[in-house]
mmCIF file of all heavy atoms, coordinates in Angstrom:
data_MODEL
# 
_entry.id   MODEL 
# 
loop_
_atom_site.group_PDB 
_atom_site.id 
_atom_site.type_symbol 
_atom_site.label_atom_id 
_atom_site.label_alt_id 
_atom_site.label_comp_id 
_atom_site.label_asym_id 
_atom_site.label_entity_id 
_atom_site.label_seq_id 
_atom_site.pdbx_PDB_ins_code 
_atom_site.Cartn_x 
_atom_site.Cartn_y 
_atom_site.Cartn_z 
_atom_site.occupancy 
_atom_site.B_iso_or_equiv 
_atom_site.pdbx_formal_charge 
_atom_site.auth_seq_id 
_atom_site.auth_comp_id 
_atom_site.auth_asym_id 
_atom_site.auth_atom_id 
_atom_site.pdbx_PDB_model_num 
ATOM 1   N N   . GLY A 1 1  ? 93.935  93.019  99.705  1.00 0.00 ? 1  GLY A N   1 
ATOM 2   C CA  . GLY A 1 1  ? 94.079  91.700  99.085  1.00 0.00 ? 1  GLY A CA  1 
ATOM 3   C C   . GLY A 1 1  ? 93.749  90.614  100.072 1.00 0.00 ? 1  GLY A C   1 
ATOM 4   O O   . GLY A 1 1  ? 93.474  90.871  101.243 1.00 0.00 ? 1  GLY A O   1 
ATOM 5   N N   . GLU A 1 2  ? 93.803  89.386  99.602  1.00 0.00 ? 2  GLU A N   1 
ATOM 6   C CA  . GLU A 1 2  ? 93.433  88.259  100.459 1.00 0.00 ? 2  GLU A CA  1 
ATOM 7   C C   . GLU A 1 2  ? 94.379  88.098  101.635 1.00 0.00 ? 2  GLU A C   1 
ATOM 8   O O   . GLU A 1 2  ? 94.002  87.566  102.670 1.00 0.00 ? 2  GLU A O   1 
ATOM 9   C CB  . GLU A 1 2  ? 93.369  86.970  99.635  1.00 0.00 ? 2  GLU A CB  1 
ATOM 10  C CG  . GLU A 1 2  ? 92.237  86.968  98.618  1.00 0.00 ? 2  GLU A CG  1 
ATOM 11  C CD  . GLU A 1 2  ? 90.902  87.403  99.212  1.00 0.00 ? 2  GLU A CD  1 
ATOM 12  O OE1 . GLU A 1 2  ? 90.379  86.713  100.100 1.00 0.00 ? 2  GLU A OE1 1 
ATOM 13  O OE2 . GLU A 1 2  ? 90.391  88.455  98.794  1.00 0.00 ? 2  GLU A OE2 1 
ATOM 14  N N   . HIS A 1 3  ? 95.619  88.576  101.504 1.00 0.00 ? 3  HIS A N   1 
ATOM 15  C CA  . HIS A 1 3  ? 96.552  88.500  102.628 1.00 0.00 ? 3  HIS A CA  1 
ATOM 16  C C   . HIS A 1 3  ? 96.047  89.303  103.826 1.00 0.00 ? 3  HIS A C   1 
ATOM 17  O O   . HIS A 1 3  ? 96.427  89.015  104.962 1.00 0.00 ? 3  HIS A O   1 
ATOM 18  C CB  . HIS A 1 3  ? 97.929  89.026  102.205 1.00 0.00 ? 3  HIS A CB  1 
ATOM 19  C CG  . HIS A 1 3  ? 98.554  88.227  101.104 1.00 0.00 ? 3  HIS A CG  1 
ATOM 20  N ND1 . HIS A 1 3  ? 98.672  88.710  99.828  1.00 0.00 ? 3  HIS A ND1 1 
ATOM 21  C CD2 . HIS A 1 3  ? 99.064  86.977  101.091 1.00 0.00 ? 3  HIS A CD2 1 
ATOM 22  C CE1 . HIS A 1 3  ? 99.259  87.798  99.077  1.00 0.00 ? 3  HIS A CE1 1 
ATOM 23  N NE2 . HIS A 1 3  ? 99.494  86.731  99.812  1.00 0.00 ? 3  HIS A NE2 1 
ATOM 24  N N   . GLY A 1 4  ? 95.205  90.302  103.573 1.00 0.00 ? 4  GLY A N   1 
ATOM 25  C CA  . GLY A 1 4  ? 94.652  91.120  104.645 1.00 0.00 ? 4  GLY A CA  1 
ATOM 26  C C   . GLY A 1 4  ? 93.741  90.351  105.585 1.00 0.00 ? 4  GLY A C   1 
ATOM 27  O O   . GLY A 1 4  ? 93.373  90.853  106.641 1.00 0.00 ? 4  GLY A O   1 
ATOM 28  N N   . GLY A 1 5  ? 93.384  89.132  105.216 1.00 0.00 ? 5  GLY A N   1 
ATOM 29  C CA  . GLY A 1 5  ? 92.546  88.296  106.072 1.00 0.00 ? 5  GLY A CA  1 
ATOM 30  C C   . GLY A 1 5  ? 93.285  87.127  106.692 1.00 0.00 ? 5  GLY A C   1 
ATOM 31  O O   . GLY A 1 5  ? 92.684  86.295  107.371 1.00 0.00 ? 5  GLY A O   1 
ATOM 32  N N   . ASP A 1 6  ? 94.586  87.040  106.476 1.00 0.00 ? 6  ASP A N   1 
ATOM 33  C CA  . ASP A 1 6  ? 95.378  85.944  107.034 1.00 0.00 ? 6  ASP A CA  1 
ATOM 34  C C   . ASP A 1 6  ? 96.052  86.410  108.323 1.00 0.00 ? 6  ASP A C   1 
ATOM 35  O O   . ASP A 1 6  ? 96.769  87.412  108.313 1.00 0.00 ? 6  ASP A O   1 
ATOM 36  C CB  . ASP A 1 6  ? 96.444  85.495  106.021 1.00 0.00 ? 6  ASP A CB  1 
ATOM 37  C CG  . ASP A 1 6  ? 97.437  84.539  106.641 1.00 0.00 ? 6  ASP A CG  1 
ATOM 38  O OD1 . ASP A 1 6  ? 97.025  83.433  107.040 1.00 0.00 ? 6  ASP A OD1 1 
ATOM 39  O OD2 . ASP A 1 6  ? 98.631  84.911  106.759 1.00 0.00 ? 6  ASP A OD2 1 
ATOM 40  N N   . PRO A 1 7  ? 95.838  85.716  109.452 1.00 0.00 ? 7  PRO A N   1 
ATOM 41  C CA  . PRO A 1 7  ? 96.367  86.182  110.741 1.00 0.00 ? 7  PRO A CA  1 
ATOM 42  C C   . PRO A 1 7  ? 97.870  86.458  110.767 1.00 0.00 ? 7  PRO A C   1 
ATOM 43  O O   . PRO A 1 7  ? 98.304  87.493  111.267 1.00 0.00 ? 7  PRO A O   1 
ATOM 44  C CB  . PRO A 1 7  ? 95.988  85.059  111.711 1.00 0.00 ? 7  PRO A CB  1 
ATOM 45  C CG  . PRO A 1 7  ? 94.770  84.449  111.104 1.00 0.00 ? 7  PRO A CG  1 
ATOM 46  C CD  . PRO A 1 7  ? 94.976  84.536  109.623 1.00 0.00 ? 7  PRO A CD  1 
ATOM 47  N N   . SER A 1 8  ? 98.690  85.560  110.221 1.00 0.00 ? 8  SER A N   1 
ATOM 48  C CA  . SER A 1 8  ? 100.140 85.796  110.281 1.00 0.00 ? 8  SER A CA  1 
ATOM 49  C C   . SER A 1 8  ? 100.541 86.972  109.392 1.00 0.00 ? 8  SER A C   1 
ATOM 50  O O   . SER A 1 8  ? 101.472 87.716  109.716 1.00 0.00 ? 8  SER A O   1 
ATOM 51  C CB  . SER A 1 8  ? 100.918 84.530  109.885 1.00 0.00 ? 8  SER A CB  1 
ATOM 52  O OG  . SER A 1 8  ? 100.706 84.224  108.524 1.00 0.00 ? 8  SER A OG  1 
ATOM 53  N N   . SER A 1 9  ? 99.827  87.166  108.295 1.00 0.00 ? 9  SER A N   1 
ATOM 54  C CA  . SER A 1 9  ? 100.103 88.302  107.411 1.00 0.00 ? 9  SER A CA  1 
ATOM 55  C C   . SER A 1 9  ? 99.690  89.611  108.078 1.00 0.00 ? 9  SER A C   1 
ATOM 56  O O   . SER A 1 9  ? 100.402 90.619  107.973 1.00 0.00 ? 9  SER A O   1 
ATOM 57  C CB  . SER A 1 9  ? 99.363  88.136  106.077 1.00 0.00 ? 9  SER A CB  1 
ATOM 58  O OG  . SER A 1 9  ? 99.723  86.924  105.449 1.00 0.00 ? 9  SER A OG  1 
ATOM 59  N N   . VAL A 1 10 ? 98.559  89.601  108.777 1.00 0.00 ? 10 VAL A N   1 
ATOM 60  C CA  . VAL A 1 10 ? 98.103  90.795  109.504 1.00 0.00 ? 10 VAL A CA  1 
ATOM 61  C C   . VAL A 1 10 ? 99.105  91.157  110.594 1.00 0.00 ? 10 VAL A C   1 
ATOM 62  O O   . VAL A 1 10 ? 99.456  92.335  110.777 1.00 0.00 ? 10 VAL A O   1 
ATOM 63  C CB  . VAL A 1 10 ? 96.689  90.578  110.099 1.00 0.00 ? 10 VAL A CB  1 
ATOM 64  C CG1 . VAL A 1 10 ? 96.305  91.727  111.026 1.00 0.00 ? 10 VAL A CG1 1 
ATOM 65  C CG2 . VAL A 1 10 ? 95.656  90.424  108.985 1.00 0.00 ? 10 VAL A CG2 1 
ATOM 66  N N   . GLU A 1 11 ? 99.593  90.150  111.300 1.00 0.00 ? 11 GLU A N   1 
ATOM 67  C CA  . GLU A 1 11 ? 100.593 90.390  112.350 1.00 0.00 ? 11 GLU A CA  1 
ATOM 68  C C   . GLU A 1 11 ? 101.852 91.027  111.748 1.00 0.00 ? 11 GLU A C   1 
ATOM 69  O O   . GLU A 1 11 ? 102.418 91.972  112.304 1.00 0.00 ? 11 GLU A O   1 
ATOM 70  C CB  . GLU A 1 11 ? 100.942 89.075  113.047 1.00 0.00 ? 11 GLU A CB  1 
ATOM 71  C CG  . GLU A 1 11 ? 101.918 89.227  114.189 1.00 0.00 ? 11 GLU A CG  1 
ATOM 72  C CD  . GLU A 1 11 ? 102.277 87.897  114.851 1.00 0.00 ? 11 GLU A CD  1 
ATOM 73  O OE1 . GLU A 1 11 ? 101.776 86.845  114.408 1.00 0.00 ? 11 GLU A OE1 1 
ATOM 74  O OE2 . GLU A 1 11 ? 103.079 87.931  115.802 1.00 0.00 ? 11 GLU A OE2 1 
ATOM 75  N N   . PHE A 1 12 ? 102.292 90.509  110.604 1.00 0.00 ? 12 PHE A N   1 
ATOM 76  C CA  . PHE A 1 12 ? 103.467 91.068  109.929 1.00 0.00 ? 12 PHE A CA  1 
ATOM 77  C C   . PHE A 1 12 ? 103.212 92.512  109.505 1.00 0.00 ? 12 PHE A C   1 
ATOM 78  O O   . PHE A 1 12 ? 104.071 93.379  109.696 1.00 0.00 ? 12 PHE A O   1 
ATOM 79  C CB  . PHE A 1 12 ? 103.825 90.212  108.707 1.00 0.00 ? 12 PHE A CB  1 
ATOM 80  C CG  . PHE A 1 12 ? 104.943 90.784  107.882 1.00 0.00 ? 12 PHE A CG  1 
ATOM 81  C CD1 . PHE A 1 12 ? 106.262 90.648  108.292 1.00 0.00 ? 12 PHE A CD1 1 
ATOM 82  C CD2 . PHE A 1 12 ? 104.682 91.461  106.700 1.00 0.00 ? 12 PHE A CD2 1 
ATOM 83  C CE1 . PHE A 1 12 ? 107.301 91.184  107.538 1.00 0.00 ? 12 PHE A CE1 1 
ATOM 84  C CE2 . PHE A 1 12 ? 105.706 92.006  105.946 1.00 0.00 ? 12 PHE A CE2 1 
ATOM 85  C CZ  . PHE A 1 12 ? 107.025 91.862  106.359 1.00 0.00 ? 12 PHE A CZ  1 
ATOM 86  N N   . CYS A 1 13 ? 102.036 92.780  108.961 1.00 0.00 ? 13 CYS A N   1 
ATOM 87  C CA  . CYS A 1 13 ? 101.687 94.141  108.537 1.00 0.00 ? 13 CYS A CA  1 
ATOM 88  C C   . CYS A 1 13 ? 101.717 95.111  109.717 1.00 0.00 ? 13 CYS A C   1 
ATOM 89  O O   . CYS A 1 13 ? 102.174 96.247  109.592 1.00 0.00 ? 13 CYS A O   1 
ATOM 90  C CB  . CYS A 1 13 ? 100.320 94.153  107.862 1.00 0.00 ? 13 CYS A CB  1 
ATOM 91  S SG  . CYS A 1 13 ? 100.321 93.342  106.249 1.00 0.00 ? 13 CYS A SG  1 
ATOM 92  N N   . HIS A 1 14 ? 101.237 94.666  110.859 1.00 0.00 ? 14 HIS A N   1 
ATOM 93  C CA  . HIS A 1 14 ? 101.284 95.496  112.068 1.00 0.00 ? 14 HIS A CA  1 
ATOM 94  C C   . HIS A 1 14 ? 102.740 95.770  112.461 1.00 0.00 ? 14 HIS A C   1 
ATOM 95  O O   . HIS A 1 14 ? 103.103 96.898  112.779 1.00 0.00 ? 14 HIS A O   1 
ATOM 96  C CB  . HIS A 1 14 ? 100.544 94.798  113.210 1.00 0.00 ? 14 HIS A CB  1 
ATOM 97  C CG  . HIS A 1 14 ? 100.599 95.542  114.506 1.00 0.00 ? 14 HIS A CG  1 
ATOM 98  N ND1 . HIS A 1 14 ? 99.817  96.642  114.766 1.00 0.00 ? 14 HIS A ND1 1 
ATOM 99  C CD2 . HIS A 1 14 ? 101.370 95.349  115.604 1.00 0.00 ? 14 HIS A CD2 1 
ATOM 100 C CE1 . HIS A 1 14 ? 100.102 97.093  115.971 1.00 0.00 ? 14 HIS A CE1 1 
ATOM 101 N NE2 . HIS A 1 14 ? 101.038 96.330  116.500 1.00 0.00 ? 14 HIS A NE2 1 
ATOM 102 N N   . LYS A 1 15 ? 103.562 94.727  112.394 1.00 0.00 ? 15 LYS A N   1 
ATOM 103 C CA  . LYS A 1 15 ? 104.960 94.834  112.809 1.00 0.00 ? 15 LYS A CA  1 
ATOM 104 C C   . LYS A 1 15 ? 105.734 95.848  111.948 1.00 0.00 ? 15 LYS A C   1 
ATOM 105 O O   . LYS A 1 15 ? 106.569 96.589  112.460 1.00 0.00 ? 15 LYS A O   1 
ATOM 106 C CB  . LYS A 1 15 ? 105.627 93.460  112.719 1.00 0.00 ? 15 LYS A CB  1 
ATOM 107 C CG  . LYS A 1 15 ? 107.049 93.421  113.260 1.00 0.00 ? 15 LYS A CG  1 
ATOM 108 C CD  . LYS A 1 15 ? 107.649 92.032  113.157 1.00 0.00 ? 15 LYS A CD  1 
ATOM 109 C CE  . LYS A 1 15 ? 108.209 91.853  111.766 1.00 0.00 ? 15 LYS A CE  1 
ATOM 110 N NZ  . LYS A 1 15 ? 108.893 90.604  111.529 1.00 0.00 ? 15 LYS A NZ  1 
ATOM 111 N N   . ILE A 1 16 ? 105.431 95.908  110.641 1.00 0.00 ? 16 ILE A N   1 
ATOM 112 C CA  . ILE A 1 16 ? 106.189 96.819  109.773 1.00 0.00 ? 16 ILE A CA  1 
ATOM 113 C C   . ILE A 1 16 ? 105.555 98.216  109.694 1.00 0.00 ? 16 ILE A C   1 
ATOM 114 O O   . ILE A 1 16 ? 106.059 99.078  108.994 1.00 0.00 ? 16 ILE A O   1 
ATOM 115 C CB  . ILE A 1 16 ? 106.419 96.239  108.363 1.00 0.00 ? 16 ILE A CB  1 
ATOM 116 C CG1 . ILE A 1 16 ? 105.100 96.040  107.590 1.00 0.00 ? 16 ILE A CG1 1 
ATOM 117 C CG2 . ILE A 1 16 ? 107.221 94.946  108.442 1.00 0.00 ? 16 ILE A CG2 1 
ATOM 118 C CD1 . ILE A 1 16 ? 105.292 95.705  106.120 1.00 0.00 ? 16 ILE A CD1 1 
ATOM 119 N N   . GLY A 1 17 ? 104.435 98.415  110.409 1.00 0.00 ? 17 GLY A N   1 
ATOM 120 C CA  . GLY A 1 17 ? 103.891 99.770  110.539 1.00 0.00 ? 17 GLY A CA  1 
ATOM 121 C C   . GLY A 1 17 ? 102.742 100.136 109.621 1.00 0.00 ? 17 GLY A C   1 
ATOM 122 O O   . GLY A 1 17 ? 102.487 101.321 109.411 1.00 0.00 ? 17 GLY A O   1 
ATOM 123 N N   . LEU A 1 18 ? 102.025 99.143  109.100 1.00 0.00 ? 18 LEU A N   1 
ATOM 124 C CA  . LEU A 1 18 ? 100.855 99.468  108.287 1.00 0.00 ? 18 LEU A CA  1 
ATOM 125 C C   . LEU A 1 18 ? 99.735  99.994  109.174 1.00 0.00 ? 18 LEU A C   1 
ATOM 126 O O   . LEU A 1 18 ? 99.595  99.587  110.324 1.00 0.00 ? 18 LEU A O   1 
ATOM 127 C CB  . LEU A 1 18 ? 100.374 98.246  107.504 1.00 0.00 ? 18 LEU A CB  1 
ATOM 128 C CG  . LEU A 1 18 ? 100.937 98.127  106.080 1.00 0.00 ? 18 LEU A CG  1 
ATOM 129 C CD1 . LEU A 1 18 ? 102.436 97.915  106.102 1.00 0.00 ? 18 LEU A CD1 1 
ATOM 130 C CD2 . LEU A 1 18 ? 100.264 97.004  105.328 1.00 0.00 ? 18 LEU A CD2 1 
ATOM 131 N N   . ASP A 1 19 ? 98.930  100.904 108.617 1.00 0.00 ? 19 ASP A N   1 
ATOM 132 C CA  . ASP A 1 19 ? 97.840  101.527 109.357 1.00 0.00 ? 19 ASP A CA  1 
ATOM 133 C C   . ASP A 1 19 ? 96.540  100.732 109.295 1.00 0.00 ? 19 ASP A C   1 
ATOM 134 O O   . ASP A 1 19 ? 95.694  100.854 110.163 1.00 0.00 ? 19 ASP A O   1 
ATOM 135 C CB  . ASP A 1 19 ? 97.587  102.944 108.814 1.00 0.00 ? 19 ASP A CB  1 
ATOM 136 C CG  . ASP A 1 19 ? 98.834  103.807 108.905 1.00 0.00 ? 19 ASP A CG  1 
ATOM 137 O OD1 . ASP A 1 19 ? 99.356  103.962 110.021 1.00 0.00 ? 19 ASP A OD1 1 
ATOM 138 O OD2 . ASP A 1 19 ? 99.287  104.313 107.866 1.00 0.00 ? 19 ASP A OD2 1 
ATOM 139 N N   . TYR A 1 20 ? 96.358  99.959  108.232 1.00 0.00 ? 20 TYR A N   1 
ATOM 140 C CA  . TYR A 1 20 ? 95.105  99.208  108.083 1.00 0.00 ? 20 TYR A CA  1 
ATOM 141 C C   . TYR A 1 20 ? 95.298  98.034  107.131 1.00 0.00 ? 20 TYR A C   1 
ATOM 142 O O   . TYR A 1 20 ? 96.268  97.993  106.366 1.00 0.00 ? 20 TYR A O   1 
ATOM 143 C CB  . TYR A 1 20 ? 93.980  100.108 107.552 1.00 0.00 ? 20 TYR A CB  1 
ATOM 144 C CG  . TYR A 1 20 ? 94.179  100.548 106.118 1.00 0.00 ? 20 TYR A CG  1 
ATOM 145 C CD1 . TYR A 1 20 ? 93.671  99.807  105.053 1.00 0.00 ? 20 TYR A CD1 1 
ATOM 146 C CD2 . TYR A 1 20 ? 94.884  101.712 105.827 1.00 0.00 ? 20 TYR A CD2 1 
ATOM 147 C CE1 . TYR A 1 20 ? 93.876  100.203 103.749 1.00 0.00 ? 20 TYR A CE1 1 
ATOM 148 C CE2 . TYR A 1 20 ? 95.083  102.123 104.522 1.00 0.00 ? 20 TYR A CE2 1 
ATOM 149 C CZ  . TYR A 1 20 ? 94.575  101.361 103.478 1.00 0.00 ? 20 TYR A CZ  1 
ATOM 150 O OH  . TYR A 1 20 ? 94.791  101.750 102.182 1.00 0.00 ? 20 TYR A OH  1 
ATOM 151 N N   . VAL A 1 21 ? 94.396  97.084  107.220 1.00 0.00 ? 21 VAL A N   1 
ATOM 152 C CA  . VAL A 1 21 ? 94.314  96.002  106.246 1.00 0.00 ? 21 VAL A CA  1 
ATOM 153 C C   . VAL A 1 21 ? 92.896  95.977  105.703 1.00 0.00 ? 21 VAL A C   1 
ATOM 154 O O   . VAL A 1 21 ? 91.951  96.363  106.393 1.00 0.00 ? 21 VAL A O   1 
ATOM 155 C CB  . VAL A 1 21 ? 94.671  94.613  106.852 1.00 0.00 ? 21 VAL A CB  1 
ATOM 156 C CG1 . VAL A 1 21 ? 96.099  94.586  107.360 1.00 0.00 ? 21 VAL A CG1 1 
ATOM 157 C CG2 . VAL A 1 21 ? 93.704  94.207  107.942 1.00 0.00 ? 21 VAL A CG2 1 
ATOM 158 N N   . SER A 1 22 ? 92.761  95.557  104.464 1.00 0.00 ? 22 SER A N   1 
ATOM 159 C CA  . SER A 1 22 ? 91.421  95.343  103.909 1.00 0.00 ? 22 SER A CA  1 
ATOM 160 C C   . SER A 1 22 ? 91.417  93.994  103.209 1.00 0.00 ? 22 SER A C   1 
ATOM 161 O O   . SER A 1 22 ? 92.457  93.517  102.751 1.00 0.00 ? 22 SER A O   1 
ATOM 162 C CB  . SER A 1 22 ? 91.030  96.468  102.942 1.00 0.00 ? 22 SER A CB  1 
ATOM 163 O OG  . SER A 1 22 ? 91.820  96.424  101.778 1.00 0.00 ? 22 SER A OG  1 
ATOM 164 N N   . CYS A 1 23 ? 90.258  93.380  103.173 1.00 0.00 ? 23 CYS A N   1 
ATOM 165 C CA  . CYS A 1 23 ? 90.141  92.056  102.577 1.00 0.00 ? 23 CYS A CA  1 
ATOM 166 C C   . CYS A 1 23 ? 88.686  91.819  102.208 1.00 0.00 ? 23 CYS A C   1 
ATOM 167 O O   . CYS A 1 23 ? 87.833  92.670  102.439 1.00 0.00 ? 23 CYS A O   1 
ATOM 168 C CB  . CYS A 1 23 ? 90.630  90.989  103.554 1.00 0.00 ? 23 CYS A CB  1 
ATOM 169 S SG  . CYS A 1 23 ? 89.774  91.010  105.142 1.00 0.00 ? 23 CYS A SG  1 
ATOM 170 N N   . SER A 1 24 ? 88.397  90.663  101.641 1.00 0.00 ? 24 SER A N   1 
ATOM 171 C CA  . SER A 1 24 ? 87.020  90.345  101.276 1.00 0.00 ? 24 SER A CA  1 
ATOM 172 C C   . SER A 1 24 ? 86.167  90.211  102.540 1.00 0.00 ? 24 SER A C   1 
ATOM 173 O O   . SER A 1 24 ? 86.676  89.868  103.609 1.00 0.00 ? 24 SER A O   1 
ATOM 174 C CB  . SER A 1 24 ? 86.966  89.073  100.435 1.00 0.00 ? 24 SER A CB  1 
ATOM 175 O OG  . SER A 1 24 ? 87.633  88.022  101.089 1.00 0.00 ? 24 SER A OG  1 
ATOM 176 N N   . PRO A 1 25 ? 84.863  90.491  102.424 1.00 0.00 ? 25 PRO A N   1 
ATOM 177 C CA  . PRO A 1 25 ? 83.997  90.561  103.621 1.00 0.00 ? 25 PRO A CA  1 
ATOM 178 C C   . PRO A 1 25 ? 84.036  89.331  104.529 1.00 0.00 ? 25 PRO A C   1 
ATOM 179 O O   . PRO A 1 25 ? 84.053  89.473  105.748 1.00 0.00 ? 25 PRO A O   1 
ATOM 180 C CB  . PRO A 1 25 ? 82.596  90.760  103.036 1.00 0.00 ? 25 PRO A CB  1 
ATOM 181 C CG  . PRO A 1 25 ? 82.832  91.410  101.716 1.00 0.00 ? 25 PRO A CG  1 
ATOM 182 C CD  . PRO A 1 25 ? 84.133  90.848  101.207 1.00 0.00 ? 25 PRO A CD  1 
ATOM 183 N N   . PHE A 1 26 ? 84.088  88.120  103.953 1.00 0.00 ? 26 PHE A N   1 
ATOM 184 C CA  . PHE A 1 26 ? 84.035  86.936  104.813 1.00 0.00 ? 26 PHE A CA  1 
ATOM 185 C C   . PHE A 1 26 ? 85.301  86.772  105.650 1.00 0.00 ? 26 PHE A C   1 
ATOM 186 O O   . PHE A 1 26 ? 85.319  86.045  106.635 1.00 0.00 ? 26 PHE A O   1 
ATOM 187 C CB  . PHE A 1 26 ? 83.755  85.670  103.989 1.00 0.00 ? 26 PHE A CB  1 
ATOM 188 C CG  . PHE A 1 26 ? 84.912  85.146  103.187 1.00 0.00 ? 26 PHE A CG  1 
ATOM 189 C CD1 . PHE A 1 26 ? 85.748  84.172  103.699 1.00 0.00 ? 26 PHE A CD1 1 
ATOM 190 C CD2 . PHE A 1 26 ? 85.169  85.626  101.903 1.00 0.00 ? 26 PHE A CD2 1 
ATOM 191 C CE1 . PHE A 1 26 ? 86.807  83.686  102.960 1.00 0.00 ? 26 PHE A CE1 1 
ATOM 192 C CE2 . PHE A 1 26 ? 86.227  85.146  101.160 1.00 0.00 ? 26 PHE A CE2 1 
ATOM 193 C CZ  . PHE A 1 26 ? 87.052  84.173  101.692 1.00 0.00 ? 26 PHE A CZ  1 
# 
């Protein structure tokens, strides 16, 4: 989702143990 391209959201995802993020190409 679009959250996968937001820096603070990516940082949070890393903190809770997600393996990857995906988002739109840009």
